[in-house]
Amino acid sequence: MPPLLAVPNVSEGRDQERLDRLEQAFARGVTLLDRHSDADHGRSVFTLAGYGGALVEALAAGAEEAAETIEMDRYRGAHPAIGALDVCPLVWFEPGDREAAREEAVAAATQIGGLGIPVFLYGELARDPGRAERSYFRNGGLAELWLRMESGELRPDFGPDLPHRKAGATLVTARPPLAAFNVELDSDDVEIARAVAAGLREAGGGLPGVRAIGLLLSSGRAQVSTNVHNPLTVSLGEVVERVRTLAAPLGARPLEAELVGLIPQAALAGYPDDVPMRGFDPRRHVIEARLAEATD
């Protein structure tokens, strides 16, 4: 049986010493498959593989380290965030492991809540459909979350009724693999990226299961940052081609792409040669290849 995956996202993308400490905590008793940091987004994503309670213990250790080392009142990243350990999904790769991932996610949420950090379940673990999207909790940032929790409008699923003074709150779910995928344009106009993102995301009539925002990077490039929730049916190639179609009337085109973490092999079907993925190595960034290596 393959191990379960976990993909904790922390709100730190610059401080290498701090990230090394977080890596040591998250990798305790499990296998670290990947670590991706982005200074502009103010974010790092760890991909872990493990069995049973070991994965839960590793996530709790990482959450505790994040709470000790990341102060959310100093957060300046471009990526929306409400917590030091901002998002913590448990991921099943084989359909038969879905229930195990759900159980492990609830166990991890319980332990993180026990550290004094409020935890909200989202996605298919959300207590009602209105709480399924991460944006439901993130809109307005941590300051708005404080107000909603203080008023009693928003109650966590685990942990205290107010955000942690340093670490904010954490979002937890169980899900199949998604693709965190960014496309950079040959433009420095963030409004073009935002317009493309609006047309690309599912909520705007775009590709099913795609979430997208437009950002301006410190390099001067405009970026369309996406989450592709079902990369087995909506490939990264389809995302690039839709970005190309939406950007062309605005005088821009996709220039380069970036993968955050790992993807299933099928997500690469039909990927275009003219939009290279920076630093991509199929031996390191394809889930099947990394799991085969980890379980040899």
Protein backbone atom coordinates (compact mmCIF):
# COMPACT_ATOMS: atom_id res chain seq x y z
CA MET A 1 0.00 0.00 0.00
CA PRO A 2 1.43 3.41 -0.92
CA PRO A 3 1.89 5.96 1.86
CA LEU A 4 -0.41 8.90 2.32
CA LEU A 5 0.85 12.34 1.40
CA ALA A 6 0.59 15.62 3.28
CA VAL A 7 1.27 19.05 1.81
CA PRO A 8 1.62 21.61 4.63
CA ASN A 9 1.87 25.24 3.44
CA VAL A 10 3.63 27.70 5.77
CA SER A 11 3.65 31.50 5.61
CA GLU A 12 7.41 31.92 5.19
CA GLY A 13 9.30 32.03 1.91
CA ARG A 14 12.57 33.82 2.63
CA ASP A 15 14.31 32.91 5.90
CA GLN A 16 16.34 29.78 5.09
CA GLU A 17 17.34 29.09 8.70
CA ARG A 18 13.71 29.19 9.76
CA LEU A 19 12.71 26.97 6.83
CA ASP A 20 15.42 24.45 7.70
CA ARG A 21 14.00 24.23 11.23
CA LEU A 22 10.52 23.73 9.83
CA GLU A 23 11.78 21.04 7.48
CA GLN A 24 13.38 19.15 10.36
CA ALA A 25 10.11 19.28 12.28
CA PHE A 26 7.87 18.22 9.40
CA ALA A 27 10.20 15.42 8.30
CA ARG A 28 10.25 13.79 11.73
CA GLY A 29 9.49 10.10 11.20
CA VAL A 30 8.26 10.55 7.60
CA THR A 31 9.81 11.10 4.15
CA LEU A 32 10.27 14.60 2.76
CA LEU A 33 9.53 14.40 -0.97
CA ASP A 34 9.81 18.09 -1.84
CA ARG A 35 10.22 21.60 -0.45
CA HIS A 36 9.32 24.63 -2.52
CA SER A 37 9.76 28.23 -1.32
CA ASP A 38 8.62 31.46 -2.94
CA ALA A 39 9.76 34.81 -1.54
CA ASP A 40 7.16 36.81 -3.48
CA HIS A 41 4.29 34.64 -2.31
CA GLY A 42 5.74 34.55 1.21
CA ARG A 43 5.10 30.83 1.26
CA SER A 44 6.75 27.43 1.39
CA VAL A 45 5.18 24.08 0.59
CA PHE A 46 6.47 20.79 2.00
CA THR A 47 5.41 17.47 0.49
CA LEU A 48 5.59 14.57 2.94
CA ALA A 49 4.90 10.84 2.66
CA GLY A 50 4.18 8.61 5.63
CA TYR A 51 2.05 5.92 7.21
CA GLY A 52 -0.46 5.92 10.01
CA GLY A 53 0.09 8.10 13.02
CA ALA A 54 3.62 9.07 11.98
CA LEU A 55 2.28 11.57 9.48
CA VAL A 56 -0.06 13.12 12.05
CA GLU A 57 2.78 13.46 14.56
CA ALA A 58 5.01 15.08 11.94
CA LEU A 59 2.31 17.61 11.04
CA ALA A 60 1.75 18.45 14.69
CA ALA A 61 5.50 18.94 15.18
CA GLY A 62 5.64 21.19 12.13
CA ALA A 63 2.63 23.19 13.32
CA GLU A 64 4.29 23.73 16.69
CA GLU A 65 7.53 24.87 15.05
CA ALA A 66 5.62 27.22 12.75
CA ALA A 67 3.80 28.74 15.73
CA GLU A 68 7.13 29.34 17.48
CA THR A 69 9.01 30.82 14.51
CA ILE A 70 6.48 32.64 12.28
CA GLU A 71 4.71 35.80 13.44
CA MET A 72 1.65 36.47 11.32
CA ASP A 73 1.50 40.17 12.23
CA ARG A 74 4.69 40.52 10.15
CA TYR A 75 3.41 38.58 7.17
CA ARG A 76 3.81 40.49 3.89
CA GLY A 77 3.51 37.75 1.26
CA ALA A 78 1.42 38.17 -1.88
CA HIS A 79 -0.38 34.89 -1.26
CA PRO A 80 -3.55 35.08 0.89
CA ALA A 81 -2.88 33.56 4.31
CA ILE A 82 -4.39 33.41 7.80
CA GLY A 83 -1.88 31.23 9.61
CA ALA A 84 1.76 30.30 10.19
CA LEU A 85 0.78 26.79 9.14
CA ASP A 86 -1.79 28.16 6.74
CA VAL A 87 -3.09 25.05 4.97
CA CYS A 88 -2.57 21.39 5.84
CA PRO A 89 -4.14 18.91 3.39
CA LEU A 90 -3.84 15.15 3.71
CA VAL A 91 -3.67 13.66 0.22
CA TRP A 92 -4.67 10.26 -1.07
CA PHE A 93 -3.21 9.04 -4.35
CA GLU A 94 -5.14 5.77 -4.58
CA PRO A 95 -8.95 6.03 -4.30
CA GLY A 96 -8.97 3.24 -1.73
CA ASP A 97 -6.99 5.45 0.65
CA ARG A 98 -9.60 8.22 0.73
CA GLU A 99 -11.11 7.24 4.07
CA ALA A 100 -7.68 6.81 5.66
CA ALA A 101 -6.73 10.32 4.54
CA ARG A 102 -9.95 11.72 6.00
CA GLU A 103 -9.27 10.04 9.33
CA GLU A 104 -5.68 11.25 9.42
CA ALA A 105 -6.78 14.79 8.55
CA VAL A 106 -9.20 14.88 11.49
CA ALA A 107 -6.49 13.45 13.76
CA ALA A 108 -4.03 16.12 12.61
CA ALA A 109 -6.65 18.85 13.08
CA THR A 110 -7.27 17.61 16.62
CA GLN A 111 -3.58 17.74 17.51
CA ILE A 112 -3.05 21.18 15.93
CA GLY A 113 -6.09 22.49 17.81
CA GLY A 114 -4.53 21.12 20.99
CA LEU A 115 -1.57 23.48 20.44
CA GLY A 116 -3.90 26.46 20.92
CA ILE A 117 -4.37 27.09 17.19
CA PRO A 118 -7.93 27.19 15.84
CA VAL A 119 -8.48 24.76 12.98
CA PHE A 120 -11.13 25.01 10.28
CA LEU A 121 -12.01 22.02 8.12
CA TYR A 122 -12.56 22.89 4.47
CA GLY A 123 -13.11 21.06 1.19
CA GLU A 124 -14.95 17.78 1.54
CA LEU A 125 -14.46 17.84 5.33
CA ALA A 126 -16.26 21.18 5.72
CA ARG A 127 -19.21 21.07 8.13
CA ASP A 128 -21.41 22.80 5.53
CA PRO A 129 -20.99 23.71 1.84
CA GLY A 130 -20.47 27.42 2.60
CA ARG A 131 -17.21 26.58 4.39
CA ALA A 132 -15.75 24.44 1.58
CA GLU A 133 -13.58 27.11 -0.08
CA ARG A 134 -10.43 28.49 1.55
CA SER A 135 -11.47 31.96 0.47
CA TYR A 136 -14.40 31.78 2.92
CA PHE A 137 -11.87 31.97 5.76
CA ARG A 138 -9.20 34.08 4.06
CA ASN A 139 -11.27 36.97 2.71
CA GLY A 140 -10.08 40.10 4.49
CA GLY A 141 -7.02 38.33 5.85
CA LEU A 142 -6.21 37.51 9.45
CA ALA A 143 -7.53 40.86 10.74
CA GLU A 144 -10.99 40.10 9.35
CA LEU A 145 -10.82 36.55 10.69
CA TRP A 146 -10.19 38.00 14.18
CA LEU A 147 -13.32 40.14 13.93
CA ARG A 148 -15.47 37.26 12.67
CA MET A 149 -14.29 34.98 15.45
CA GLU A 150 -14.61 37.64 18.17
CA SER A 151 -18.20 38.32 17.12
CA GLY A 152 -19.05 34.62 17.24
CA GLU A 153 -19.89 34.54 13.52
CA LEU A 154 -17.15 31.98 12.87
CA ARG A 155 -16.40 29.06 15.17
CA PRO A 156 -13.50 26.68 14.60
CA ASP A 157 -13.87 22.93 14.28
CA PHE A 158 -10.98 22.36 16.71
CA GLY A 159 -9.00 24.52 19.10
CA PRO A 160 -9.72 27.88 20.72
CA ASP A 161 -12.41 30.35 19.70
CA LEU A 162 -9.89 33.08 18.77
CA PRO A 163 -6.78 33.01 16.54
CA HIS A 164 -3.41 32.21 18.08
CA ARG A 165 -1.65 35.48 18.91
CA LYS A 166 1.34 34.67 16.70
CA ALA A 167 0.27 31.79 14.50
CA GLY A 168 -3.27 32.74 13.47
CA ALA A 169 -5.36 29.76 12.32
CA THR A 170 -4.94 26.64 10.17
CA LEU A 171 -7.10 25.14 7.41
CA VAL A 172 -7.19 21.32 7.17
CA THR A 173 -8.73 18.95 4.63
CA ALA A 174 -8.35 15.61 2.88
CA ARG A 175 -8.24 15.56 -0.91
CA PRO A 176 -6.80 13.87 -4.00
CA PRO A 177 -3.71 15.45 -5.61
CA LEU A 178 -4.05 18.94 -7.03
CA ALA A 179 -1.57 21.00 -9.03
CA ALA A 180 -0.29 24.31 -7.69
CA PHE A 181 0.83 25.86 -10.94
CA ASN A 182 1.91 29.40 -11.82
CA VAL A 183 2.12 30.92 -15.30
CA GLU A 184 4.23 34.04 -15.89
CA LEU A 185 3.33 36.47 -18.66
CA ASP A 186 5.58 38.60 -20.86
CA SER A 187 4.07 41.65 -19.18
CA ASP A 188 4.56 43.81 -16.10
CA ASP A 189 0.86 44.73 -15.95
CA VAL A 190 -0.77 43.05 -12.96
CA GLU A 191 -4.20 44.03 -14.25
CA ILE A 192 -3.66 41.77 -17.26
CA ALA A 193 -2.80 38.88 -14.92
CA ARG A 194 -5.91 39.59 -12.84
CA ALA A 195 -8.12 39.70 -15.93
CA VAL A 196 -6.68 36.41 -17.18
CA ALA A 197 -7.15 34.84 -13.73
CA ALA A 198 -10.76 36.01 -13.64
CA GLY A 199 -11.49 34.30 -16.96
CA LEU A 200 -9.49 31.20 -16.10
CA ARG A 201 -11.04 30.26 -12.77
CA GLU A 202 -14.13 28.11 -12.53
CA ALA A 203 -16.08 30.81 -10.67
CA GLY A 204 -15.70 33.09 -13.71
CA GLY A 205 -16.85 30.49 -16.20
CA GLY A 206 -13.38 29.12 -16.87
CA LEU A 207 -11.90 25.66 -16.45
CA PRO A 208 -13.60 23.33 -13.94
CA GLY A 209 -11.86 23.04 -10.60
CA VAL A 210 -9.41 25.87 -11.30
CA ARG A 211 -8.79 28.65 -8.77
CA ALA A 212 -6.63 31.58 -9.92
CA ILE A 213 -5.34 34.99 -8.86
CA GLY A 214 -3.17 37.58 -10.63
CA LEU A 215 0.02 38.84 -8.98
CA LEU A 216 3.02 41.04 -9.79
CA LEU A 217 6.36 39.42 -8.95
CA SER A 218 9.47 41.24 -7.75
CA SER A 219 11.07 40.29 -11.09
CA GLY A 220 8.59 42.65 -12.77
CA ARG A 221 6.61 39.85 -14.42
CA ALA A 222 2.87 39.49 -14.02
CA GLN A 223 1.88 36.01 -12.84
CA VAL A 224 -1.31 33.97 -12.96
CA SER A 225 -1.16 31.76 -9.88
CA THR A 226 -3.47 28.74 -9.97
CA ASN A 227 -4.63 25.68 -8.12
CA VAL A 228 -5.89 22.98 -10.47
CA HIS A 229 -8.12 20.83 -8.29
CA ASN A 230 -8.38 17.89 -10.68
CA PRO A 231 -5.22 17.73 -12.79
CA LEU A 232 -6.22 14.26 -14.01
CA THR A 233 -9.05 15.81 -16.05
CA VAL A 234 -7.77 19.38 -16.53
CA SER A 235 -4.11 19.09 -17.50
CA LEU A 236 -1.48 21.78 -17.05
CA GLY A 237 -1.32 22.01 -20.84
CA GLU A 238 -5.01 22.98 -20.91
CA VAL A 239 -4.35 25.67 -18.31
CA VAL A 240 -1.49 27.14 -20.36
CA GLU A 241 -3.56 27.16 -23.54
CA ARG A 242 -6.47 28.88 -21.79
CA VAL A 243 -4.07 31.47 -20.38
CA ARG A 244 -2.72 31.97 -23.91
CA THR A 245 -6.22 32.50 -25.29
CA LEU A 246 -7.24 34.94 -22.55
CA ALA A 247 -3.98 36.91 -22.59
CA ALA A 248 -3.69 37.39 -26.37
CA PRO A 249 -6.41 40.08 -26.74
CA LEU A 250 -4.74 41.96 -23.88
CA GLY A 251 -1.37 42.02 -25.65
CA ALA A 252 0.35 39.37 -23.55
CA ARG A 253 1.35 35.72 -23.76
CA PRO A 254 2.53 32.98 -21.37
CA LEU A 255 6.32 33.01 -21.15
CA GLU A 256 7.32 30.58 -18.41
CA ALA A 257 5.64 28.39 -15.80
CA GLU A 258 6.39 27.09 -12.33
CA LEU A 259 5.18 24.01 -10.50
CA VAL A 260 4.80 24.11 -6.72
CA GLY A 261 5.27 20.64 -5.22
CA LEU A 262 4.40 17.43 -7.06
CA ILE A 263 1.87 16.41 -9.73
CA PRO A 264 0.48 13.16 -11.13
CA GLN A 265 2.04 12.03 -14.39
CA ALA A 266 -1.27 12.46 -16.23
CA ALA A 267 -1.25 16.21 -15.52
CA LEU A 268 1.57 16.61 -18.06
CA ALA A 269 -0.47 15.35 -21.03
CA GLY A 270 -0.24 17.72 -23.98
CA TYR A 271 2.01 20.22 -22.23
CA PRO A 272 3.31 22.81 -24.78
CA ASP A 273 7.03 23.05 -25.53
CA ASP A 274 7.08 26.85 -25.76
CA VAL A 275 6.22 27.54 -22.09
CA PRO A 276 8.96 25.80 -20.09
CA MET A 277 8.41 24.89 -16.44
CA ARG A 278 11.32 26.43 -14.54
CA GLY A 279 13.41 23.80 -12.74
CA PHE A 280 11.01 20.96 -13.56
CA ASP A 281 12.46 17.44 -13.31
CA PRO A 282 10.03 14.51 -13.81
CA ARG A 283 12.15 12.34 -11.52
CA ARG A 284 11.69 14.84 -8.69
CA HIS A 285 8.29 16.40 -9.36
CA VAL A 286 6.04 13.55 -10.53
CA ILE A 287 4.21 11.81 -7.67
CA GLU A 288 4.51 8.31 -9.10
CA ALA A 289 8.29 8.65 -9.53
CA ARG A 290 8.86 10.06 -6.05
CA LEU A 291 6.66 7.47 -4.37
CA ALA A 292 8.43 4.65 -6.21
CA GLU A 293 11.75 6.02 -4.99
CA ALA A 294 10.50 6.50 -1.43
CA THR A 295 9.10 2.97 -1.13
CA ASP A 296 11.98 1.06 -2.78
